[in-house]
Amino acid sequence: MNTDARIFLAAGAIAAFLAVGFGAFGAHALRDRLPADLMAVYRTAVEYHFWHALGLLAIGLAVPALPGETLVKWAGWLMLAGILLFSGSLYALSLSGVRILGAVTPVGGLCLMAAWALFAVAVVRA
């Protein structure tokens, strides 16, 4: 297995591990501490975090099947950036209540959308 595949598979596994941990933390430690609107923000962060962790795993599995396809690698890096920016900003917003942090969220969303688009183009081109 090549290095890129290992990187995205490991990143996906770590991201999934963290998503489960953050989800459990929210369900147990934050349930009675956050207002309902911020709890909904936190849940959105966990949901997108987990789904895109699976996306990273898919990209990691696709890298060896699409040798030389740089779009797949770009998709992986954008997906990782998207998780950090999208879910990370929502985690920070929900825990701090600082609404301006939500300004970062759309940038993360664009990274996630671009990642899926590049992944699709790479698969079609193959």
C-alpha atoms as a PDB file:
ATOM      1  CA  MET A   1       0.000   0.000   0.000  1.00  0.00           C
ATOM      2  CA  ASN A   2       1.405   3.374  -0.952  1.00  0.00           C
ATOM      3  CA  THR A   3       2.036   6.265   1.410  1.00  0.00           C
ATOM      4  CA  ASP A   4      -0.896   8.394   0.241  1.00  0.00           C
ATOM      5  CA  ALA A   5      -3.357   5.566   0.803  1.00  0.00           C
ATOM      6  CA  ARG A   6      -1.963   4.949   4.290  1.00  0.00           C
ATOM      7  CA  ILE A   7      -2.188   8.657   5.139  1.00  0.00           C
ATOM      8  CA  PHE A   8      -5.860   8.956   4.130  1.00  0.00           C
ATOM      9  CA  LEU A   9      -6.846   5.631   5.689  1.00  0.00           C
ATOM     10  CA  ALA A  10      -5.134   6.558   8.960  1.00  0.00           C
ATOM     11  CA  ALA A  11      -6.619  10.065   8.873  1.00  0.00           C
ATOM     12  CA  GLY A  12     -10.072   8.599   8.238  1.00  0.00           C
ATOM     13  CA  ALA A  13      -9.735   6.115  11.085  1.00  0.00           C
ATOM     14  CA  ILE A  14      -8.497   8.810  13.474  1.00  0.00           C
ATOM     15  CA  ALA A  15     -11.264  11.182  12.357  1.00  0.00           C
ATOM     16  CA  ALA A  16     -13.890   8.459  12.916  1.00  0.00           C
ATOM     17  CA  PHE A  17     -12.430   7.688  16.352  1.00  0.00           C
ATOM     18  CA  LEU A  18     -12.601  11.367  17.279  1.00  0.00           C
ATOM     19  CA  ALA A  19     -16.140  11.737  15.886  1.00  0.00           C
ATOM     20  CA  VAL A  20     -17.347   8.885  18.092  1.00  0.00           C
ATOM     21  CA  GLY A  21     -15.568  10.406  21.093  1.00  0.00           C
ATOM     22  CA  PHE A  22     -16.952  13.895  20.434  1.00  0.00           C
ATOM     23  CA  GLY A  23     -20.413  12.420  19.920  1.00  0.00           C
ATOM     24  CA  ALA A  24     -20.268  10.576  23.231  1.00  0.00           C
ATOM     25  CA  PHE A  25     -18.915  13.681  24.975  1.00  0.00           C
ATOM     26  CA  GLY A  26     -21.785  15.735  23.596  1.00  0.00           C
ATOM     27  CA  ALA A  27     -24.421  13.163  24.499  1.00  0.00           C
ATOM     28  CA  HIS A  28     -23.209  12.692  28.046  1.00  0.00           C
ATOM     29  CA  ALA A  29     -21.205  15.697  29.226  1.00  0.00           C
ATOM     30  CA  LEU A  30     -22.855  18.492  27.274  1.00  0.00           C
ATOM     31  CA  ARG A  31     -26.482  17.378  27.152  1.00  0.00           C
ATOM     32  CA  ASP A  32     -27.508  19.394  30.221  1.00  0.00           C
ATOM     33  CA  ARG A  33     -24.906  22.155  29.862  1.00  0.00           C
ATOM     34  CA  LEU A  34     -25.537  23.562  26.396  1.00  0.00           C
ATOM     35  CA  PRO A  35     -28.660  25.411  25.342  1.00  0.00           C
ATOM     36  CA  ALA A  36     -30.719  23.572  22.720  1.00  0.00           C
ATOM     37  CA  ASP A  37     -29.560  25.762  19.826  1.00  0.00           C
ATOM     38  CA  LEU A  38     -25.867  25.214  20.596  1.00  0.00           C
ATOM     39  CA  MET A  39     -26.450  21.496  21.178  1.00  0.00           C
ATOM     40  CA  ALA A  40     -27.945  21.323  17.673  1.00  0.00           C
ATOM     41  CA  VAL A  41     -24.803  23.028  16.313  1.00  0.00           C
ATOM     42  CA  TYR A  42     -22.626  20.518  18.176  1.00  0.00           C
ATOM     43  CA  ARG A  43     -24.627  17.594  16.766  1.00  0.00           C
ATOM     44  CA  THR A  44     -24.241  18.974  13.242  1.00  0.00           C
ATOM     45  CA  ALA A  45     -20.472  19.127  13.782  1.00  0.00           C
ATOM     46  CA  VAL A  46     -20.388  15.493  14.909  1.00  0.00           C
ATOM     47  CA  GLU A  47     -22.594  14.315  12.040  1.00  0.00           C
ATOM     48  CA  TYR A  48     -20.528  15.980   9.329  1.00  0.00           C
ATOM     49  CA  HIS A  49     -17.308  14.936  11.067  1.00  0.00           C
ATOM     50  CA  PHE A  50     -18.340  11.298  11.030  1.00  0.00           C
ATOM     51  CA  TRP A  51     -19.641  11.193   7.458  1.00  0.00           C
ATOM     52  CA  HIS A  52     -16.501  12.823   6.132  1.00  0.00           C
ATOM     53  CA  ALA A  53     -14.286  10.504   8.162  1.00  0.00           C
ATOM     54  CA  LEU A  54     -15.918   7.749   6.099  1.00  0.00           C
ATOM     55  CA  GLY A  55     -15.203   9.830   3.011  1.00  0.00           C
ATOM     56  CA  LEU A  56     -11.519   9.917   3.918  1.00  0.00           C
ATOM     57  CA  LEU A  57     -11.564   6.129   4.235  1.00  0.00           C
ATOM     58  CA  ALA A  58     -13.152   5.861   0.782  1.00  0.00           C
ATOM     59  CA  ILE A  59     -10.495   8.131  -0.664  1.00  0.00           C
ATOM     60  CA  GLY A  60      -7.774   6.089   1.024  1.00  0.00           C
ATOM     61  CA  LEU A  61      -9.162   2.948  -0.584  1.00  0.00           C
ATOM     62  CA  ALA A  62      -9.416   4.664  -3.975  1.00  0.00           C
ATOM     63  CA  VAL A  63      -5.829   5.949  -4.088  1.00  0.00           C
ATOM     64  CA  PRO A  64      -4.280   2.568  -5.016  1.00  0.00           C
ATOM     65  CA  ALA A  65      -7.076   1.880  -7.509  1.00  0.00           C
ATOM     66  CA  LEU A  66      -6.446   5.186  -9.299  1.00  0.00           C
ATOM     67  CA  PRO A  67      -2.652   5.382  -9.555  1.00  0.00           C
ATOM     68  CA  GLY A  68      -1.317   8.687 -10.767  1.00  0.00           C
ATOM     69  CA  GLU A  69      -4.646  10.425 -10.258  1.00  0.00           C
ATOM     70  CA  THR A  70      -3.676  13.552  -8.349  1.00  0.00           C
ATOM     71  CA  LEU A  71      -7.297  14.685  -8.026  1.00  0.00           C
ATOM     72  CA  VAL A  72      -7.928  11.874  -5.540  1.00  0.00           C
ATOM     73  CA  LYS A  73      -5.079  13.112  -3.368  1.00  0.00           C
ATOM     74  CA  TRP A  74      -6.362  16.691  -3.579  1.00  0.00           C
ATOM     75  CA  ALA A  75      -9.794  15.389  -2.605  1.00  0.00           C
ATOM     76  CA  GLY A  76      -8.309  13.751   0.469  1.00  0.00           C
ATOM     77  CA  TRP A  77      -6.491  16.869   1.615  1.00  0.00           C
ATOM     78  CA  LEU A  78      -9.553  19.034   0.992  1.00  0.00           C
ATOM     79  CA  MET A  79     -11.747  16.611   2.905  1.00  0.00           C
ATOM     80  CA  LEU A  80      -9.368  16.670   5.846  1.00  0.00           C
ATOM     81  CA  ALA A  81      -9.277  20.489   5.735  1.00  0.00           C
ATOM     82  CA  GLY A  82     -13.063  20.540   5.469  1.00  0.00           C
ATOM     83  CA  ILE A  83     -13.484  18.393   8.573  1.00  0.00           C
ATOM     84  CA  LEU A  84     -11.133  20.633  10.518  1.00  0.00           C
ATOM     85  CA  LEU A  85     -12.691  23.898   9.331  1.00  0.00           C
ATOM     86  CA  PHE A  86     -16.363  22.911   9.154  1.00  0.00           C
ATOM     87  CA  SER A  87     -16.733  20.658  12.171  1.00  0.00           C
ATOM     88  CA  GLY A  88     -13.936  22.357  14.083  1.00  0.00           C
ATOM     89  CA  SER A  89     -15.566  25.780  13.791  1.00  0.00           C
ATOM     90  CA  LEU A  90     -18.935  24.342  14.830  1.00  0.00           C
ATOM     91  CA  TYR A  91     -17.395  22.585  17.834  1.00  0.00           C
ATOM     92  CA  ALA A  92     -15.704  25.819  18.855  1.00  0.00           C
ATOM     93  CA  LEU A  93     -18.875  27.865  18.311  1.00  0.00           C
ATOM     94  CA  SER A  94     -21.059  25.476  20.295  1.00  0.00           C
ATOM     95  CA  LEU A  95     -18.636  25.223  23.215  1.00  0.00           C
ATOM     96  CA  SER A  96     -17.746  28.912  23.402  1.00  0.00           C
ATOM     97  CA  GLY A  97     -20.945  30.560  22.211  1.00  0.00           C
ATOM     98  CA  VAL A  98     -18.830  32.939  20.104  1.00  0.00           C
ATOM     99  CA  ARG A  99     -21.006  33.243  16.998  1.00  0.00           C
ATOM    100  CA  ILE A 100     -18.323  34.851  14.806  1.00  0.00           C
ATOM    101  CA  LEU A 101     -16.615  31.441  14.667  1.00  0.00           C
ATOM    102  CA  GLY A 102     -19.464  30.422  12.384  1.00  0.00           C
ATOM    103  CA  ALA A 103     -17.860  32.597   9.696  1.00  0.00           C
ATOM    104  CA  VAL A 104     -15.266  29.850   9.164  1.00  0.00           C
ATOM    105  CA  THR A 105     -17.877  27.127   8.696  1.00  0.00           C
ATOM    106  CA  PRO A 106     -18.765  27.923   5.045  1.00  0.00           C
ATOM    107  CA  VAL A 107     -15.083  27.740   4.080  1.00  0.00           C
ATOM    108  CA  GLY A 108     -14.995  24.236   5.516  1.00  0.00           C
ATOM    109  CA  GLY A 109     -18.207  23.398   3.699  1.00  0.00           C
ATOM    110  CA  LEU A 110     -16.698  24.546   0.410  1.00  0.00           C
ATOM    111  CA  CYS A 111     -13.650  22.357   1.078  1.00  0.00           C
ATOM    112  CA  LEU A 112     -15.928  19.365   1.655  1.00  0.00           C
ATOM    113  CA  MET A 113     -17.925  20.047  -1.509  1.00  0.00           C
ATOM    114  CA  ALA A 114     -14.759  20.506  -3.551  1.00  0.00           C
ATOM    115  CA  ALA A 115     -13.377  17.254  -2.149  1.00  0.00           C
ATOM    116  CA  TRP A 116     -16.439  15.292  -3.262  1.00  0.00           C
ATOM    117  CA  ALA A 117     -16.404  16.975  -6.673  1.00  0.00           C
ATOM    118  CA  LEU A 118     -12.715  16.187  -7.238  1.00  0.00           C
ATOM    119  CA  PHE A 119     -13.241  12.631  -6.079  1.00  0.00           C
ATOM    120  CA  ALA A 120     -16.091  12.213  -8.566  1.00  0.00           C
ATOM    121  CA  VAL A 121     -14.079  13.699 -11.429  1.00  0.00           C
ATOM    122  CA  ALA A 122     -11.118  11.445 -10.613  1.00  0.00           C
ATOM    123  CA  VAL A 123     -13.325   8.352 -10.663  1.00  0.00           C
ATOM    124  CA  VAL A 124     -14.992   9.341 -13.931  1.00  0.00           C
ATOM    125  CA  ARG A 125     -11.633  10.119 -15.569  1.00  0.00           C
ATOM    126  CA  ALA A 126     -10.252   6.733 -14.548  1.00  0.00           C
END
